Amino acid sequence: MDLSQLAIGPLASGNLPGAFGSQPFESLIKSLIDASEEKIALHARSLKLVLCPVRKLPDELLAMIMRLTLEKNSRRIDAATLVVCALRLTQLPIQYKKPDGYSADYIAATRVHLERSAPLPIEIDLDHCAEPPPALVDALFSTASRWKSLSFSSGPTAIFDALAKLPPDSLKLLEEAAGTLWDSVPATYAFLCAPRLRKVNLHLYNHASNPPPMPWAQLTALDLSMAAISAGFDILVQCTNVVRAKLYAEPPRVEPTGSSSDAPVTLPFLEDLNVSIYGDHLGACFGRLSLPKLRKLEISFTDPMGSGDWSPANSSIFTQFQLRSPNIEDFSLSICDIHPPELREILTHVPRLTDLHLECCFESIDDDVLEHLEYAELDTVHLTPQLQRLHLAMIGDSFDEDRLLAMIKSRWWSAAALQALPVPPPVARWERVYIYRGESDVELSGSFKRAVRKLKTQGLEIEVS
């Protein structure tokens, strides 16, 4: 028998088996191919999800990215916004927004959201909320071990009652605490055993004289508003690891309890200090401090009757503070009645100063101050030799425009002129000069304005009015 005939016989005869070559068979093949492609695409999509780089990121980092995206155009996430990452809630501001109180559905949803957020750290915002029912308090405080930050106010007493009952090690993940208190609150020591707590922001008004006990020594950032600034400094000197601090004294005036004769306390890591203070307290407060790493210092006065007075006694005490804090680079003073001799004394003891800001310090600048700031080649000692940025606003007009222009020009070289110098000058070149005299009857002359425009063409960022 011819085997080749057996092999090709059916094809030659045209007797195809079954429906081979027919339309139904081709449809079957096509459907199998389509199914295979769909299966391959499904596997590819699955692999893409598994291998996607974002999947390799920790949940905490994904949550942070999502929060930053939502907060790009807003300083605060709206109370109705729930940020979900990998089906887990990572931000739950609890705020009272409705006049009818907390509904049962609201409490149930809160409990579910808190459960779904596990095990991620969460941020709890209870600022300005209404008195919560016990069920909601229980739901919130059942997650206290996961709180990353807590914001509260003295309105709801149930919150402070629950805080006072927390076991000592409950706030083991807490990093930030912020509170606004109008009245005295029940004593709570929960914060004392928060090993990660580093940032505290407290505003105390009216009858709230004392803040909740805090582990002051471990804080790196402190923002404190109190009626008695001396009490604020009592707290500050306990913050031996603080890097940034902001203190604000609320009127009415309270006499300082500290004494400038007390031995100064050294805060070895404090770099940024912002103080709003009544003038009478200046000496008693700064006389207590030694800040060897201080880089930025901002002082504003809160005298309800007008500008604070920088008295000669204050000037002497502040000079001693400067000698203990020799690394100040950025100094700001506002709403202060300081006279040119006292200002010149301050500038004499800030050799590293690069930024000077004076605002609403009327009559603080005169020809004598400008003359001391002016660079002269024959001088062996130069006032503020590293000064690069000058911001003077509402300083009056107790100076001659020619003296001002001479001072500015003495510390300025165009790029070409600076490069042509045989040796670098002993004073820094200006980067920015802003001077606003305020309302003045003395108009700047045309020649002065032309000189300023010329400095601009040479590359100096300058504005004088």
Protein backbone atom coordinates (compact mmCIF):
# COMPACT_ATOMS: atom_id res chain seq x y z
CA MET A 1 0.00 0.00 0.00
CA ASP A 2 1.23 3.48 -0.87
CA LEU A 3 1.51 5.26 2.47
CA SER A 4 1.80 8.62 0.81
CA GLN A 5 -1.56 8.04 -0.73
CA LEU A 6 -2.96 7.36 2.71
CA ALA A 7 -1.51 10.61 3.94
CA ILE A 8 -2.77 12.82 1.19
CA GLY A 9 -5.68 10.83 0.04
CA PRO A 10 -8.33 12.65 2.02
CA LEU A 11 -6.94 15.99 0.97
CA ALA A 12 -6.82 14.96 -2.64
CA SER A 13 -10.29 13.59 -2.55
CA GLY A 14 -11.65 16.66 -0.87
CA ASN A 15 -13.32 14.60 1.82
CA LEU A 16 -12.23 16.79 4.81
CA PRO A 17 -12.93 15.28 8.22
CA GLY A 18 -15.58 16.95 10.30
CA ALA A 19 -15.85 20.68 9.78
CA PHE A 20 -12.15 21.24 8.98
CA GLY A 21 -11.93 24.22 6.66
CA SER A 22 -15.44 25.26 7.48
CA GLN A 23 -16.46 28.60 9.01
CA PRO A 24 -17.39 27.18 12.46
CA PHE A 25 -13.93 25.62 12.83
CA GLU A 26 -12.18 28.89 11.92
CA SER A 27 -14.33 30.70 14.48
CA LEU A 28 -13.29 28.17 17.10
CA ILE A 29 -9.61 28.73 16.33
CA LYS A 30 -10.09 32.51 16.48
CA SER A 31 -11.91 32.32 19.80
CA LEU A 32 -9.12 30.15 21.23
CA ILE A 33 -6.51 32.66 20.04
CA ASP A 34 -8.50 35.59 21.48
CA ALA A 35 -8.90 33.77 24.78
CA SER A 36 -5.17 33.08 24.90
CA GLU A 37 -4.35 36.73 24.17
CA GLU A 38 -6.77 37.89 26.83
CA LYS A 39 -5.26 35.46 29.32
CA ILE A 40 -1.76 36.63 28.44
CA ALA A 41 -2.85 40.27 28.80
CA LEU A 42 -4.45 39.48 32.16
CA HIS A 43 -1.23 37.86 33.36
CA ALA A 44 0.73 40.85 32.07
CA ARG A 45 -1.51 43.25 33.95
CA SER A 46 -1.15 41.17 37.09
CA LEU A 47 2.63 41.09 36.74
CA LYS A 48 2.63 44.83 36.11
CA LEU A 49 0.80 45.43 39.38
CA VAL A 50 3.07 43.06 41.26
CA LEU A 51 6.29 44.43 39.75
CA CYS A 52 5.25 48.11 39.77
CA PRO A 53 7.89 50.08 41.72
CA VAL A 54 5.27 51.86 43.82
CA ARG A 55 4.19 48.47 45.19
CA LYS A 56 7.61 48.09 46.73
CA LEU A 57 7.22 51.26 48.80
CA PRO A 58 6.21 51.00 52.46
CA ASP A 59 2.58 51.76 53.20
CA GLU A 60 3.63 54.69 55.39
CA LEU A 61 5.49 56.32 52.47
CA LEU A 62 2.55 55.78 50.10
CA ALA A 63 0.27 57.39 52.65
CA MET A 64 2.60 60.37 52.95
CA ILE A 65 2.71 60.80 49.16
CA MET A 66 -1.08 60.75 48.94
CA ARG A 67 -1.44 63.26 51.77
CA LEU A 68 1.09 65.62 50.23
CA THR A 69 -0.79 65.40 46.93
CA LEU A 70 -4.08 66.30 48.60
CA GLU A 71 -2.50 69.07 50.66
CA LYS A 72 -0.68 70.68 47.72
CA ASN A 73 -3.19 73.52 47.47
CA SER A 74 -4.48 73.41 51.02
CA ARG A 75 -2.81 73.70 54.39
CA ARG A 76 -5.27 71.31 55.94
CA ILE A 77 -7.17 68.25 54.74
CA ASP A 78 -10.89 68.83 54.87
CA ALA A 79 -12.74 67.02 57.63
CA ALA A 80 -14.71 65.01 55.08
CA THR A 81 -11.61 63.77 53.25
CA LEU A 82 -10.47 60.23 54.01
CA VAL A 83 -7.12 59.35 52.54
CA VAL A 84 -7.04 55.65 51.74
CA CYS A 85 -3.86 53.80 50.80
CA ALA A 86 -3.93 50.06 50.10
CA LEU A 87 -7.46 50.02 51.51
CA ARG A 88 -6.19 51.49 54.77
CA LEU A 89 -7.22 54.79 56.28
CA THR A 90 -4.22 56.92 57.14
CA GLN A 91 -5.74 60.30 58.00
CA LEU A 92 -8.88 60.80 60.04
CA PRO A 93 -9.58 64.31 61.27
CA ILE A 94 -12.43 64.03 63.77
CA GLN A 95 -14.16 67.39 63.82
CA TYR A 96 -17.63 68.48 64.78
CA LYS A 97 -19.27 69.99 61.71
CA LYS A 98 -22.97 69.26 62.19
CA PRO A 99 -25.38 70.97 64.61
CA ASP A 100 -27.17 67.71 65.45
CA GLY A 101 -24.07 66.11 66.97
CA TYR A 102 -22.44 62.78 66.17
CA SER A 103 -24.85 60.33 64.58
CA ALA A 104 -24.72 56.58 65.11
CA ASP A 105 -23.66 56.12 61.47
CA TYR A 106 -20.84 58.61 61.96
CA ILE A 107 -19.55 56.74 65.00
CA ALA A 108 -19.85 53.37 63.24
CA ALA A 109 -18.03 54.64 60.17
CA THR A 110 -15.30 56.10 62.35
CA ARG A 111 -14.80 52.78 64.10
CA VAL A 112 -14.59 50.92 60.77
CA HIS A 113 -12.14 53.41 59.33
CA LEU A 114 -9.94 53.21 62.39
CA GLU A 115 -9.93 49.42 62.18
CA ARG A 116 -9.04 49.47 58.49
CA SER A 117 -6.12 51.78 59.12
CA ALA A 118 -4.31 49.18 61.23
CA PRO A 119 -1.40 48.85 61.66
CA LEU A 120 -0.42 52.25 60.22
CA PRO A 121 0.16 55.29 62.45
CA ILE A 122 -2.74 57.76 62.33
CA GLU A 123 -3.20 61.47 62.97
CA ILE A 124 -6.05 62.55 65.23
CA ASP A 125 -7.44 66.08 65.08
CA LEU A 126 -9.84 66.92 67.91
CA ASP A 127 -9.38 70.67 67.77
CA HIS A 128 -12.64 72.67 68.07
CA CYS A 129 -14.77 69.52 68.17
CA ALA A 130 -17.97 69.18 70.17
CA GLU A 131 -18.31 67.03 73.27
CA PRO A 132 -18.07 63.50 71.82
CA PRO A 133 -20.25 60.63 73.05
CA PRO A 134 -18.60 57.80 75.03
CA ALA A 135 -18.79 55.39 72.07
CA LEU A 136 -16.74 57.73 69.91
CA VAL A 137 -14.22 58.40 72.69
CA ASP A 138 -13.80 54.64 73.17
CA ALA A 139 -13.28 54.14 69.43
CA LEU A 140 -10.65 56.86 69.26
CA PHE A 141 -8.73 55.92 72.38
CA SER A 142 -8.67 52.24 71.46
CA THR A 143 -6.15 53.29 68.80
CA ALA A 144 -4.03 55.55 71.03
CA SER A 145 -1.03 53.26 70.59
CA ARG A 146 -1.03 54.17 66.87
CA TRP A 147 -1.41 57.94 67.19
CA LYS A 148 1.33 59.75 65.32
CA SER A 149 0.03 63.23 66.10
CA LEU A 150 -2.71 64.63 68.30
CA SER A 151 -4.41 68.02 68.11
CA PHE A 152 -6.82 68.99 70.89
CA SER A 153 -8.52 71.88 72.67
CA SER A 154 -9.99 72.41 76.13
CA GLY A 155 -13.60 72.26 74.92
CA PRO A 156 -14.52 68.57 75.28
CA THR A 157 -13.80 67.44 78.86
CA ALA A 158 -14.33 63.79 77.88
CA ILE A 159 -11.14 63.93 75.82
CA PHE A 160 -9.02 65.02 78.79
CA ASP A 161 -10.74 62.56 81.10
CA ALA A 162 -9.80 59.80 78.66
CA LEU A 163 -6.24 61.13 78.33
CA ALA A 164 -5.87 61.08 82.10
CA LYS A 165 -6.90 57.42 82.19
CA LEU A 166 -4.50 56.23 79.50
CA PRO A 167 -1.91 53.66 80.62
CA PRO A 168 1.62 55.12 80.82
CA ASP A 169 2.92 53.49 77.64
CA SER A 170 -0.11 54.22 75.43
CA LEU A 171 1.36 57.00 73.26
CA LYS A 172 4.42 55.08 72.13
CA LEU A 173 4.22 56.34 68.50
CA LEU A 174 3.21 59.95 69.21
CA GLU A 175 5.58 62.45 67.55
CA GLU A 176 3.59 65.71 67.64
CA ALA A 177 1.10 67.24 70.06
CA ALA A 178 -0.79 70.51 69.62
CA GLY A 179 -3.31 72.01 72.00
CA THR A 180 -5.34 75.18 72.51
CA LEU A 181 -6.52 75.64 76.08
CA TRP A 182 -8.86 78.32 77.43
CA ASP A 183 -9.47 76.84 80.85
CA SER A 184 -7.77 74.53 83.29
CA VAL A 185 -8.03 70.88 82.32
CA PRO A 186 -7.75 67.64 84.28
CA ALA A 187 -4.16 66.64 84.96
CA THR A 188 -2.90 64.14 82.42
CA TYR A 189 0.53 62.53 82.44
CA ALA A 190 0.10 60.46 79.29
CA PHE A 191 2.50 62.67 77.31
CA LEU A 192 5.33 62.13 79.78
CA CYS A 193 5.70 58.53 78.60
CA ALA A 194 5.64 59.27 74.85
CA PRO A 195 9.19 58.28 73.83
CA ARG A 196 8.92 59.68 70.27
CA LEU A 197 7.32 63.02 71.12
CA ARG A 198 9.48 65.73 69.59
CA LYS A 199 7.17 68.62 68.59
CA VAL A 200 4.79 70.44 70.94
CA ASN A 201 2.57 73.41 70.06
CA LEU A 202 0.55 74.83 72.97
CA HIS A 203 -1.54 78.00 73.21
CA LEU A 204 -2.80 78.87 76.69
CA TYR A 205 -5.35 81.63 77.23
CA ASN A 206 -7.47 83.06 80.06
CA HIS A 207 -7.43 80.67 83.01
CA ALA A 208 -5.25 78.00 81.45
CA SER A 209 -2.09 78.94 83.31
CA ASN A 210 -0.19 75.67 83.11
CA PRO A 211 0.26 73.30 80.17
CA PRO A 212 -0.10 69.54 80.50
CA PRO A 213 3.13 67.93 81.76
CA MET A 214 5.41 67.18 78.82
CA PRO A 215 8.78 65.46 78.40
CA TRP A 216 10.39 68.85 77.78
CA ALA A 217 13.94 67.54 77.71
CA GLN A 218 13.35 65.36 74.64
CA LEU A 219 11.58 67.98 72.49
CA THR A 220 13.27 69.36 69.39
CA ALA A 221 10.54 71.89 68.47
CA LEU A 222 8.49 74.05 70.84
CA ASP A 223 5.74 76.59 70.03
CA LEU A 224 4.30 78.09 73.20
CA SER A 225 1.87 80.96 73.87
CA MET A 226 1.31 81.99 77.49
CA ALA A 227 0.19 85.06 79.42
CA ALA A 228 3.40 85.08 81.45
CA ILE A 229 6.43 84.98 79.18
CA SER A 230 8.62 84.23 82.18
CA ALA A 231 6.68 80.99 82.64
CA GLY A 232 7.33 80.24 78.99
CA PHE A 233 11.06 80.73 79.52
CA ASP A 234 10.83 78.49 82.60
CA ILE A 235 9.65 75.78 80.24
CA LEU A 236 12.15 76.65 77.50
CA VAL A 237 15.17 76.20 79.75
CA GLN A 238 14.00 72.63 80.42
CA CYS A 239 14.11 71.82 76.69
CA THR A 240 17.77 70.86 76.58
CA ASN A 241 17.49 69.25 73.13
CA VAL A 242 15.32 71.85 71.44
CA VAL A 243 16.39 73.04 67.97
CA ARG A 244 13.52 75.44 67.14
CA ALA A 245 11.48 77.42 69.66
CA LYS A 246 8.75 80.04 69.42
CA LEU A 247 7.44 81.88 72.49
CA TYR A 248 4.59 84.37 72.54
CA ALA A 249 3.47 86.49 75.51
CA GLU A 250 -0.19 87.43 75.66
CA PRO A 251 -1.21 90.75 77.23
CA PRO A 252 -2.04 91.72 79.93
CA ARG A 253 1.40 92.29 81.31
CA VAL A 254 2.64 89.93 83.96
CA GLU A 255 5.75 90.83 85.89
CA PRO A 256 8.66 88.47 85.19
CA THR A 257 9.51 86.03 87.95
CA GLY A 258 13.01 85.23 86.78
CA SER A 259 16.03 87.32 87.58
CA SER A 260 18.70 88.38 85.16
CA SER A 261 21.23 87.68 87.92
CA ASP A 262 20.46 83.95 87.77
CA ALA A 263 23.15 81.81 86.17
CA PRO A 264 22.43 81.47 82.42
CA VAL A 265 21.16 78.12 81.18
CA THR A 266 22.82 76.67 78.08
CA LEU A 267 20.62 75.14 75.39
CA PRO A 268 23.32 73.55 73.24
CA PHE A 269 21.20 72.69 70.18
CA LEU A 270 18.85 75.66 69.81
CA GLU A 271 19.32 77.19 66.34
CA ASP A 272 16.09 79.12 65.71
CA LEU A 273 14.38 81.27 68.37
CA ASN A 274 11.29 83.44 67.77
CA VAL A 275 10.12 85.52 70.73
CA SER A 276 7.16 87.90 71.05
CA ILE A 277 7.64 89.65 74.35
CA TYR A 278 6.76 92.69 76.43
CA GLY A 279 9.68 95.09 76.73
CA ASP A 280 9.99 94.87 80.53
CA HIS A 281 10.63 91.14 80.25
CA LEU A 282 13.48 91.28 77.77
CA GLY A 283 16.34 91.45 80.24
CA ALA A 284 14.95 88.89 82.67
CA CYS A 285 14.41 86.37 79.87
CA PHE A 286 17.50 86.76 77.70
CA GLY A 287 19.68 87.15 80.77
CA ARG A 288 18.89 83.50 81.51
CA LEU A 289 20.01 82.06 78.18
CA SER A 290 23.23 80.91 76.57
CA LEU A 291 22.69 79.68 73.00
CA PRO A 292 26.02 78.76 71.40
CA LYS A 293 24.43 77.32 68.23
CA LEU A 294 21.78 79.98 67.70
CA ARG A 295 21.61 80.98 64.02
CA LYS A 296 18.28 82.78 63.70
CA LEU A 297 16.76 85.16 66.25
CA GLU A 298 13.44 87.00 65.85
CA ILE A 299 12.19 89.42 68.50
CA SER A 300 8.92 91.36 68.40
CA PHE A 301 7.32 93.40 71.14
CA THR A 302 3.71 92.98 72.29
CA ASP A 303 3.20 96.16 74.29
CA PRO A 304 -0.56 96.89 73.96
CA MET A 305 0.16 100.63 74.19
CA GLY A 306 2.53 100.68 71.24
CA SER A 307 6.16 99.94 70.62
CA GLY A 308 8.24 98.19 73.22
CA ASP A 309 11.13 100.08 74.74
CA TRP A 310 14.68 98.82 74.26
CA SER A 311 16.08 100.45 77.36
CA PRO A 312 19.79 100.89 78.16
CA ALA A 313 19.44 98.23 80.86
CA ASN A 314 17.99 95.83 78.31
CA SER A 315 20.80 96.71 75.93
CA SER A 316 23.47 95.78 78.47
CA ILE A 317 21.86 92.44 79.30
CA PHE A 318 21.28 91.66 75.63
CA THR A 319 24.94 92.36 74.83
CA GLN A 320 25.95 89.75 77.40
CA PHE A 321 23.50 87.33 75.80
CA GLN A 322 25.09 88.00 72.40
CA LEU A 323 28.55 87.26 73.78
CA ARG A 324 27.22 83.88 74.96
CA SER A 325 25.53 83.34 71.57
CA PRO A 326 28.14 84.42 69.01
CA ASN A 327 26.86 82.57 65.93
CA ILE A 328 23.71 84.55 65.07
CA GLU A 329 23.39 84.87 61.28
CA ASP A 330 19.80 86.09 60.89
CA PHE A 331 18.43 88.78 63.22
CA SER A 332 14.93 90.31 63.12
CA LEU A 333 13.49 93.02 65.36
CA SER A 334 9.99 94.45 65.03
CA ILE A 335 7.61 96.86 66.79
CA CYS A 336 10.41 98.15 68.95
CA ASP A 337 11.33 101.63 70.13
CA ILE A 338 15.08 101.19 69.77
CA HIS A 339 17.45 104.11 69.32
CA PRO A 340 20.45 104.21 66.99
CA PRO A 341 23.10 103.74 69.74
CA GLU A 342 21.38 100.57 71.01
CA LEU A 343 21.01 99.24 67.46
CA ARG A 344 24.66 99.92 66.74
CA GLU A 345 25.56 98.03 69.93
CA ILE A 346 23.59 95.02 68.71
CA LEU A 347 25.27 95.10 65.30
CA THR A 348 28.69 95.30 66.93
CA HIS A 349 28.22 91.84 68.45
CA VAL A 350 26.90 89.86 65.46
CA PRO A 351 30.06 89.30 63.37
CA ARG A 352 28.44 86.40 61.46
CA LEU A 353 25.27 88.30 60.55
CA THR A 354 24.10 87.72 56.96
CA ASP A 355 20.45 88.82 57.26
CA LEU A 356 19.12 91.90 59.07
CA HIS A 357 15.38 92.61 59.33
CA LEU A 358 13.99 95.70 61.07
CA GLU A 359 10.28 96.45 60.90
CA CYS A 360 8.34 99.20 62.65
CA CYS A 361 11.47 100.28 64.50
CA PHE A 362 10.91 103.98 63.90
CA GLU A 363 13.88 106.32 64.18
CA SER A 364 16.25 103.38 64.65
CA ILE A 365 18.42 104.29 61.63
CA ASP A 366 20.34 107.54 61.48
CA ASP A 367 23.44 108.80 59.68
CA ASP A 368 25.69 107.47 62.42
CA VAL A 369 24.42 103.89 61.98
CA LEU A 370 24.77 104.15 58.20
CA GLU A 371 28.30 105.53 58.53
CA HIS A 372 29.32 102.58 60.71
CA LEU A 373 27.82 100.15 58.18
CA GLU A 374 29.64 101.80 55.29
CA TYR A 375 32.69 99.89 54.07
CA ALA A 376 35.96 101.82 53.80
CA GLU A 377 39.19 100.23 52.64
CA LEU A 378 41.28 101.94 55.32
CA ASP A 379 39.14 100.59 58.16
CA THR A 380 40.61 97.67 60.07
CA VAL A 381 37.33 96.68 61.73
CA HIS A 382 34.10 96.41 59.76
CA LEU A 383 30.60 96.29 61.22
CA THR A 384 28.67 93.13 60.16
CA PRO A 385 31.26 92.10 57.54
CA GLN A 386 29.16 89.17 56.29
CA LEU A 387 25.89 91.09 55.86
CA GLN A 388 24.28 90.21 52.49
CA ARG A 389 20.54 90.78 52.86
CA LEU A 390 19.04 93.94 54.34
CA HIS A 391 15.33 94.43 55.00
CA LEU A 392 14.28 97.72 56.62
CA ALA A 393 10.55 98.55 56.75
CA MET A 394 8.82 101.45 58.50
CA ILE A 395 12.05 102.92 59.83
CA GLY A 396 11.29 106.62 59.35
CA ASP A 397 13.54 109.12 57.61
CA SER A 398 16.06 110.24 60.24
CA PHE A 399 18.94 109.89 57.80
CA ASP A 400 20.33 111.57 54.72
CA GLU A 401 19.73 109.85 51.38
CA ASP A 402 23.33 110.48 50.30
CA ARG A 403 24.60 108.66 53.39
CA LEU A 404 22.24 105.77 52.67
CA LEU A 405 23.34 105.55 49.05
CA ALA A 406 27.02 105.70 50.01
CA MET A 407 26.55 102.82 52.45
CA ILE A 408 24.77 100.67 49.87
CA LYS A 409 27.30 101.36 47.11
CA SER A 410 30.25 100.69 49.41
CA ARG A 411 29.19 97.04 49.78
CA TRP A 412 28.34 96.42 46.14
CA TRP A 413 30.46 95.29 43.19
CA SER A 414 29.21 94.09 39.85
CA ALA A 415 30.28 90.57 38.91
CA ALA A 416 32.95 91.93 36.57
CA ALA A 417 34.24 94.44 39.12
CA LEU A 418 34.38 91.81 41.84
CA GLN A 419 36.32 89.42 39.61
CA ALA A 420 38.81 92.18 38.72
CA LEU A 421 39.76 92.84 42.35
CA PRO A 422 43.26 91.59 43.25
CA VAL A 423 41.94 90.15 46.55
CA PRO A 424 38.36 89.58 47.74
CA PRO A 425 36.97 92.47 49.82
CA PRO A 426 36.75 91.95 53.59
CA VAL A 427 32.99 92.50 53.51
CA ALA A 428 30.36 90.48 51.67
CA ARG A 429 28.63 91.76 48.54
CA TRP A 430 24.94 92.59 48.73
CA GLU A 431 22.43 90.03 47.51
CA ARG A 432 19.26 91.94 48.31
CA VAL A 433 18.43 95.37 49.73
CA TYR A 434 14.87 96.39 50.62
CA ILE A 435 14.21 99.71 52.37
CA TYR A 436 10.75 101.15 53.01
CA ARG A 437 10.75 104.32 55.09
CA GLY A 438 6.99 104.41 55.58
CA GLU A 439 4.96 107.59 55.26
CA SER A 440 7.43 110.42 54.84
CA ASP A 441 7.33 114.08 53.92
CA VAL A 442 10.84 113.78 52.48
CA GLU A 443 10.83 112.70 48.83
CA LEU A 444 13.74 110.76 47.43
CA SER A 445 15.59 112.84 44.86
CA GLY A 446 15.78 112.05 41.17
CA SER A 447 19.53 111.45 41.38
CA PHE A 448 18.99 108.90 44.17
CA LYS A 449 16.38 107.05 42.13
CA ARG A 450 18.66 107.01 39.07
CA ALA A 451 21.49 105.62 41.19
CA VAL A 452 19.21 102.85 42.43
CA ARG A 453 18.17 102.00 38.86
CA LYS A 454 21.85 101.80 37.88
CA LEU A 455 22.53 99.37 40.72
CA LYS A 456 19.67 97.23 39.43
CA THR A 457 21.22 97.10 35.95
CA GLN A 458 24.43 95.88 37.55
CA GLY A 459 22.61 92.92 39.08
CA LEU A 460 21.68 94.11 42.57
CA GLU A 461 18.20 93.21 43.79
CA ILE A 462 17.26 96.52 45.40
CA GLU A 463 14.14 98.52 46.25
CA VAL A 464 14.10 101.80 48.17
CA SER A 465 11.00 103.90 48.79
